[in-house]
């Protein structure tokens, strides 16, 4: 059985690949990462509107499999639903205008001022993302015989044993389904080490 995934955005439309420009996220003197809470399911709208206002934002995504009416769809969904990261210099910028941005509910604050994200957290997420902003789960440490979990596709959440790795980015996993072993071939990035 071979599983191929058509990746769509959260609303089901095809997701357009757009490379992440890492230099865009370099912090200048006085700048820090902050968290903005968004309106439910409007993370992409908030990111686009912040970009229109020349704020730099980052929305980490992950592959998520959804089932509706006996149909499975793999989409790119936010890792942290309702939250987006924004670069601000609260000493120089008019940061309160972020609260009035379409799609943004409010900045997370500690009293009167926005609360900064600890250094290195967002940077690590950016470095762990592909060109679409989707987190890459490292599978290089997997070996034949390891217990793995499928993270996307119709069998998402299923546990199995890794049977084969190939150079084309595919893996074969032996799942225990319906009282018997079933071999499933899927993309390598849809498999993670079992916890």
C-alpha atoms as a PDB file:
ATOM      1  CA  UNK A   1       0.000   0.000   0.000  1.00  0.00           C
ATOM      2  CA  UNK A   2       1.474   3.377  -0.995  1.00  0.00           C
ATOM      3  CA  UNK A   3       0.213   6.584   0.577  1.00  0.00           C
ATOM      4  CA  UNK A   4       0.728   9.878  -1.215  1.00  0.00           C
ATOM      5  CA  UNK A   5      -0.263  13.155   0.347  1.00  0.00           C
ATOM      6  CA  UNK A   6      -1.595  16.248  -1.354  1.00  0.00           C
ATOM      7  CA  UNK A   7      -0.679  19.078   0.975  1.00  0.00           C
ATOM      8  CA  UNK A   8      -3.205  21.856   1.375  1.00  0.00           C
ATOM      9  CA  UNK A   9      -3.457  24.788   3.740  1.00  0.00           C
ATOM     10  CA  UNK A  10      -5.665  24.767   6.823  1.00  0.00           C
ATOM     11  CA  UNK A  11      -8.773  25.770   4.859  1.00  0.00           C
ATOM     12  CA  UNK A  12      -8.249  23.049   2.238  1.00  0.00           C
ATOM     13  CA  UNK A  13      -6.824  25.213  -0.573  1.00  0.00           C
ATOM     14  CA  UNK A  14      -3.546  24.136  -2.181  1.00  0.00           C
ATOM     15  CA  UNK A  15      -0.604  25.593  -0.260  1.00  0.00           C
ATOM     16  CA  UNK A  16       1.768  27.637  -2.350  1.00  0.00           C
ATOM     17  CA  UNK A  17       5.406  26.957  -1.511  1.00  0.00           C
ATOM     18  CA  UNK A  18       7.260  30.128  -0.595  1.00  0.00           C
ATOM     19  CA  UNK A  19      10.873  29.939   0.571  1.00  0.00           C
ATOM     20  CA  UNK A  20      11.651  31.274   4.033  1.00  0.00           C
ATOM     21  CA  UNK A  21      14.222  34.036   3.920  1.00  0.00           C
ATOM     22  CA  UNK A  22      16.202  33.380   7.138  1.00  0.00           C
ATOM     23  CA  UNK A  23      17.897  36.789   6.895  1.00  0.00           C
ATOM     24  CA  UNK A  24      14.436  38.311   7.307  1.00  0.00           C
ATOM     25  CA  UNK A  25      14.382  36.949  10.859  1.00  0.00           C
ATOM     26  CA  UNK A  26      17.751  38.280  12.024  1.00  0.00           C
ATOM     27  CA  UNK A  27      17.236  40.414  15.111  1.00  0.00           C
ATOM     28  CA  UNK A  28      18.717  43.900  15.171  1.00  0.00           C
ATOM     29  CA  UNK A  29      19.765  45.794  18.281  1.00  0.00           C
ATOM     30  CA  UNK A  30      16.849  46.110  20.721  1.00  0.00           C
ATOM     31  CA  UNK A  31      14.591  43.669  18.859  1.00  0.00           C
ATOM     32  CA  UNK A  32      13.056  40.584  20.467  1.00  0.00           C
ATOM     33  CA  UNK A  33      10.472  37.972  19.559  1.00  0.00           C
ATOM     34  CA  UNK A  34       6.989  38.405  21.046  1.00  0.00           C
ATOM     35  CA  UNK A  35       3.793  36.344  20.857  1.00  0.00           C
ATOM     36  CA  UNK A  36       0.496  37.602  19.475  1.00  0.00           C
ATOM     37  CA  UNK A  37      -2.780  35.773  20.075  1.00  0.00           C
ATOM     38  CA  UNK A  38      -4.869  35.570  16.916  1.00  0.00           C
ATOM     39  CA  UNK A  39      -8.548  35.287  16.193  1.00  0.00           C
ATOM     40  CA  UNK A  40      -9.465  31.543  15.967  1.00  0.00           C
ATOM     41  CA  UNK A  41      -8.266  29.977  12.668  1.00  0.00           C
ATOM     42  CA  UNK A  42      -6.967  33.335  11.349  1.00  0.00           C
ATOM     43  CA  UNK A  43      -3.227  32.803  11.895  1.00  0.00           C
ATOM     44  CA  UNK A  44      -2.374  33.167   8.179  1.00  0.00           C
ATOM     45  CA  UNK A  45      -4.506  36.292   7.855  1.00  0.00           C
ATOM     46  CA  UNK A  46      -2.733  37.815  10.875  1.00  0.00           C
ATOM     47  CA  UNK A  47       0.689  36.958   9.393  1.00  0.00           C
ATOM     48  CA  UNK A  48      -0.222  38.550   6.047  1.00  0.00           C
ATOM     49  CA  UNK A  49      -1.610  41.694   7.683  1.00  0.00           C
ATOM     50  CA  UNK A  50       1.460  42.048   9.928  1.00  0.00           C
ATOM     51  CA  UNK A  51       3.670  41.718   6.834  1.00  0.00           C
ATOM     52  CA  UNK A  52       1.601  44.447   5.128  1.00  0.00           C
ATOM     53  CA  UNK A  53       2.399  46.727   8.082  1.00  0.00           C
ATOM     54  CA  UNK A  54       6.121  45.863   7.762  1.00  0.00           C
ATOM     55  CA  UNK A  55       6.240  43.776  10.937  1.00  0.00           C
ATOM     56  CA  UNK A  56       8.222  40.554  10.648  1.00  0.00           C
ATOM     57  CA  UNK A  57       6.274  37.521  11.833  1.00  0.00           C
ATOM     58  CA  UNK A  58       6.747  33.770  11.877  1.00  0.00           C
ATOM     59  CA  UNK A  59       4.003  31.134  11.884  1.00  0.00           C
ATOM     60  CA  UNK A  60       5.409  27.611  12.438  1.00  0.00           C
ATOM     61  CA  UNK A  61       3.396  24.910  10.663  1.00  0.00           C
ATOM     62  CA  UNK A  62       3.181  21.122  10.760  1.00  0.00           C
ATOM     63  CA  UNK A  63       1.591  18.414   8.660  1.00  0.00           C
ATOM     64  CA  UNK A  64      -1.736  17.376  10.122  1.00  0.00           C
ATOM     65  CA  UNK A  65      -4.090  14.722   8.829  1.00  0.00           C
ATOM     66  CA  UNK A  66      -7.811  15.412   9.011  1.00  0.00           C
ATOM     67  CA  UNK A  67     -10.658  13.058   8.326  1.00  0.00           C
ATOM     68  CA  UNK A  68     -13.985  14.245   6.979  1.00  0.00           C
ATOM     69  CA  UNK A  69     -16.692  12.125   5.404  1.00  0.00           C
ATOM     70  CA  UNK A  70     -14.413   9.090   4.986  1.00  0.00           C
ATOM     71  CA  UNK A  71     -11.806  11.217   3.225  1.00  0.00           C
ATOM     72  CA  UNK A  72      -8.328  11.947   4.589  1.00  0.00           C
ATOM     73  CA  UNK A  73      -6.586  15.222   3.821  1.00  0.00           C
ATOM     74  CA  UNK A  74      -3.105  16.223   4.936  1.00  0.00           C
ATOM     75  CA  UNK A  75      -2.825  19.958   5.525  1.00  0.00           C
ATOM     76  CA  UNK A  76      -0.271  22.404   6.842  1.00  0.00           C
ATOM     77  CA  UNK A  77      -1.696  23.596  10.151  1.00  0.00           C
ATOM     78  CA  UNK A  78      -0.238  25.894  12.820  1.00  0.00           C
ATOM     79  CA  UNK A  79       1.916  24.198  15.461  1.00  0.00           C
ATOM     80  CA  UNK A  80       0.525  26.633  18.051  1.00  0.00           C
ATOM     81  CA  UNK A  81      -3.114  27.322  17.082  1.00  0.00           C
ATOM     82  CA  UNK A  82      -4.124  30.962  17.692  1.00  0.00           C
ATOM     83  CA  UNK A  83      -0.528  32.161  18.212  1.00  0.00           C
ATOM     84  CA  UNK A  84       2.028  33.833  15.964  1.00  0.00           C
ATOM     85  CA  UNK A  85       5.523  35.171  16.669  1.00  0.00           C
ATOM     86  CA  UNK A  86       6.349  38.831  15.898  1.00  0.00           C
ATOM     87  CA  UNK A  87       9.674  40.726  15.983  1.00  0.00           C
ATOM     88  CA  UNK A  88       9.375  44.046  17.823  1.00  0.00           C
ATOM     89  CA  UNK A  89      11.556  46.715  19.396  1.00  0.00           C
ATOM     90  CA  UNK A  90       9.174  47.895  22.116  1.00  0.00           C
ATOM     91  CA  UNK A  91      11.395  50.890  22.867  1.00  0.00           C
ATOM     92  CA  UNK A  92      11.230  52.265  19.304  1.00  0.00           C
ATOM     93  CA  UNK A  93       8.210  50.785  17.511  1.00  0.00           C
ATOM     94  CA  UNK A  94       4.535  51.554  17.941  1.00  0.00           C
ATOM     95  CA  UNK A  95       3.857  48.027  19.155  1.00  0.00           C
ATOM     96  CA  UNK A  96       0.265  48.764  20.257  1.00  0.00           C
ATOM     97  CA  UNK A  97      -0.768  48.876  16.592  1.00  0.00           C
ATOM     98  CA  UNK A  98      -0.194  45.097  16.466  1.00  0.00           C
ATOM     99  CA  UNK A  99      -3.286  44.733  18.695  1.00  0.00           C
ATOM    100  CA  UNK A 100      -5.389  46.484  16.042  1.00  0.00           C
ATOM    101  CA  UNK A 101      -4.170  44.300  13.190  1.00  0.00           C
ATOM    102  CA  UNK A 102      -6.809  42.298  11.323  1.00  0.00           C
ATOM    103  CA  UNK A 103      -6.610  38.708  12.562  1.00  0.00           C
ATOM    104  CA  UNK A 104      -4.741  39.594  15.774  1.00  0.00           C
ATOM    105  CA  UNK A 105      -6.631  39.561  19.050  1.00  0.00           C
ATOM    106  CA  UNK A 106      -3.811  40.931  21.247  1.00  0.00           C
ATOM    107  CA  UNK A 107      -0.129  40.737  22.128  1.00  0.00           C
ATOM    108  CA  UNK A 108       0.670  38.568  25.135  1.00  0.00           C
ATOM    109  CA  UNK A 109       1.709  41.036  27.840  1.00  0.00           C
ATOM    110  CA  UNK A 110       3.205  41.011  31.305  1.00  0.00           C
ATOM    111  CA  UNK A 111       1.264  43.901  32.757  1.00  0.00           C
ATOM    112  CA  UNK A 112       1.687  46.990  30.565  1.00  0.00           C
ATOM    113  CA  UNK A 113       4.339  45.778  28.099  1.00  0.00           C
ATOM    114  CA  UNK A 114       4.545  42.768  25.773  1.00  0.00           C
ATOM    115  CA  UNK A 115       6.240  39.702  27.234  1.00  0.00           C
ATOM    116  CA  UNK A 116       9.302  38.604  25.213  1.00  0.00           C
ATOM    117  CA  UNK A 117       9.919  34.991  24.189  1.00  0.00           C
ATOM    118  CA  UNK A 118      13.117  33.561  25.755  1.00  0.00           C
ATOM    119  CA  UNK A 119      16.109  33.853  23.379  1.00  0.00           C
ATOM    120  CA  UNK A 120      16.667  30.887  21.080  1.00  0.00           C
ATOM    121  CA  UNK A 121      13.131  29.461  21.109  1.00  0.00           C
ATOM    122  CA  UNK A 122      11.837  30.993  17.868  1.00  0.00           C
ATOM    123  CA  UNK A 123      15.268  30.798  16.235  1.00  0.00           C
ATOM    124  CA  UNK A 124      15.283  27.026  16.829  1.00  0.00           C
ATOM    125  CA  UNK A 125      11.803  26.709  15.292  1.00  0.00           C
ATOM    126  CA  UNK A 126      12.943  28.667  12.214  1.00  0.00           C
ATOM    127  CA  UNK A 127      16.054  26.509  11.801  1.00  0.00           C
ATOM    128  CA  UNK A 128      13.882  23.377  12.126  1.00  0.00           C
ATOM    129  CA  UNK A 129      11.476  24.515   9.374  1.00  0.00           C
ATOM    130  CA  UNK A 130      11.493  23.859   5.657  1.00  0.00           C
ATOM    131  CA  UNK A 131      10.822  26.412   2.917  1.00  0.00           C
ATOM    132  CA  UNK A 132       7.074  26.337   3.667  1.00  0.00           C
ATOM    133  CA  UNK A 133       7.542  27.060   7.370  1.00  0.00           C
ATOM    134  CA  UNK A 134       6.634  23.440   8.218  1.00  0.00           C
ATOM    135  CA  UNK A 135       8.607  21.843  11.043  1.00  0.00           C
ATOM    136  CA  UNK A 136      10.971  19.092   9.949  1.00  0.00           C
ATOM    137  CA  UNK A 137      11.029  16.116  12.255  1.00  0.00           C
ATOM    138  CA  UNK A 138      14.491  14.604  12.084  1.00  0.00           C
ATOM    139  CA  UNK A 139      14.375  10.975  10.968  1.00  0.00           C
ATOM    140  CA  UNK A 140      18.092  10.468  10.315  1.00  0.00           C
ATOM    141  CA  UNK A 141      18.487   8.527  13.557  1.00  0.00           C
ATOM    142  CA  UNK A 142      15.887   5.932  12.597  1.00  0.00           C
ATOM    143  CA  UNK A 143      17.086   2.413  11.835  1.00  0.00           C
ATOM    144  CA  UNK A 144      15.390  -0.710  10.539  1.00  0.00           C
ATOM    145  CA  UNK A 145      13.611  -2.430  13.415  1.00  0.00           C
ATOM    146  CA  UNK A 146      12.874   0.788  15.372  1.00  0.00           C
ATOM    147  CA  UNK A 147       9.375   1.431  16.737  1.00  0.00           C
ATOM    148  CA  UNK A 148       7.884   4.407  14.886  1.00  0.00           C
ATOM    149  CA  UNK A 149       4.674   6.406  14.794  1.00  0.00           C
ATOM    150  CA  UNK A 150       3.023   7.754  11.650  1.00  0.00           C
ATOM    151  CA  UNK A 151       2.422  11.513  12.042  1.00  0.00           C
ATOM    152  CA  UNK A 152       0.405  12.141   8.860  1.00  0.00           C
ATOM    153  CA  UNK A 153      -1.857  10.282   6.481  1.00  0.00           C
ATOM    154  CA  UNK A 154      -4.827   7.981   7.024  1.00  0.00           C
ATOM    155  CA  UNK A 155      -2.901   5.958   9.610  1.00  0.00           C
ATOM    156  CA  UNK A 156      -1.695   9.004  11.599  1.00  0.00           C
ATOM    157  CA  UNK A 157      -1.066   8.052  15.205  1.00  0.00           C
ATOM    158  CA  UNK A 158      -0.540   4.363  14.386  1.00  0.00           C
ATOM    159  CA  UNK A 159       2.498   2.599  15.822  1.00  0.00           C
ATOM    160  CA  UNK A 160       4.604   0.204  13.818  1.00  0.00           C
ATOM    161  CA  UNK A 161       8.064  -1.187  13.141  1.00  0.00           C
ATOM    162  CA  UNK A 162      10.352   0.373  10.525  1.00  0.00           C
ATOM    163  CA  UNK A 163      10.993  -2.247   7.827  1.00  0.00           C
ATOM    164  CA  UNK A 164      12.933  -0.361   5.153  1.00  0.00           C
ATOM    165  CA  UNK A 165      14.500   3.038   4.368  1.00  0.00           C
ATOM    166  CA  UNK A 166      15.326   4.040   0.812  1.00  0.00           C
ATOM    167  CA  UNK A 167      17.317   6.866  -0.731  1.00  0.00           C
ATOM    168  CA  UNK A 168      14.231   8.301  -2.444  1.00  0.00           C
ATOM    169  CA  UNK A 169      12.807   9.641   0.822  1.00  0.00           C
ATOM    170  CA  UNK A 170      10.381   6.761   1.393  1.00  0.00           C
ATOM    171  CA  UNK A 171      10.030   4.300   4.264  1.00  0.00           C
ATOM    172  CA  UNK A 172       8.223   1.029   4.728  1.00  0.00           C
ATOM    173  CA  UNK A 173       6.499   0.452   8.070  1.00  0.00           C
ATOM    174  CA  UNK A 174       4.914  -2.744   9.340  1.00  0.00           C
ATOM    175  CA  UNK A 175       1.645  -1.867  11.106  1.00  0.00           C
ATOM    176  CA  UNK A 176      -0.572  -4.186  13.123  1.00  0.00           C
ATOM    177  CA  UNK A 177      -4.046  -3.582  11.665  1.00  0.00           C
ATOM    178  CA  UNK A 178      -7.197  -5.688  11.731  1.00  0.00           C
ATOM    179  CA  UNK A 179      -5.449  -8.532  13.541  1.00  0.00           C
ATOM    180  CA  UNK A 180      -2.592  -8.887  11.081  1.00  0.00           C
ATOM    181  CA  UNK A 181       0.581  -7.196   9.819  1.00  0.00           C
ATOM    182  CA  UNK A 182       0.210  -4.633   7.013  1.00  0.00           C
ATOM    183  CA  UNK A 183       3.145  -3.090   5.140  1.00  0.00           C
ATOM    184  CA  UNK A 184       2.706   0.620   4.456  1.00  0.00           C
ATOM    185  CA  UNK A 185       5.046   2.686   2.264  1.00  0.00           C
ATOM    186  CA  UNK A 186       5.010   6.427   2.891  1.00  0.00           C
ATOM    187  CA  UNK A 187       7.126   9.576   2.764  1.00  0.00           C
ATOM    188  CA  UNK A 188       9.994   9.634   5.259  1.00  0.00           C
ATOM    189  CA  UNK A 189       8.881  12.925   6.845  1.00  0.00           C
ATOM    190  CA  UNK A 190       5.556  11.380   7.914  1.00  0.00           C
ATOM    191  CA  UNK A 191       7.305   9.014  10.347  1.00  0.00           C
ATOM    192  CA  UNK A 192       8.746   9.843  13.780  1.00  0.00           C
ATOM    193  CA  UNK A 193      10.351   7.734  16.491  1.00  0.00           C
ATOM    194  CA  UNK A 194       7.710   6.289  18.825  1.00  0.00           C
ATOM    195  CA  UNK A 195       7.595   7.857  22.253  1.00  0.00           C
END
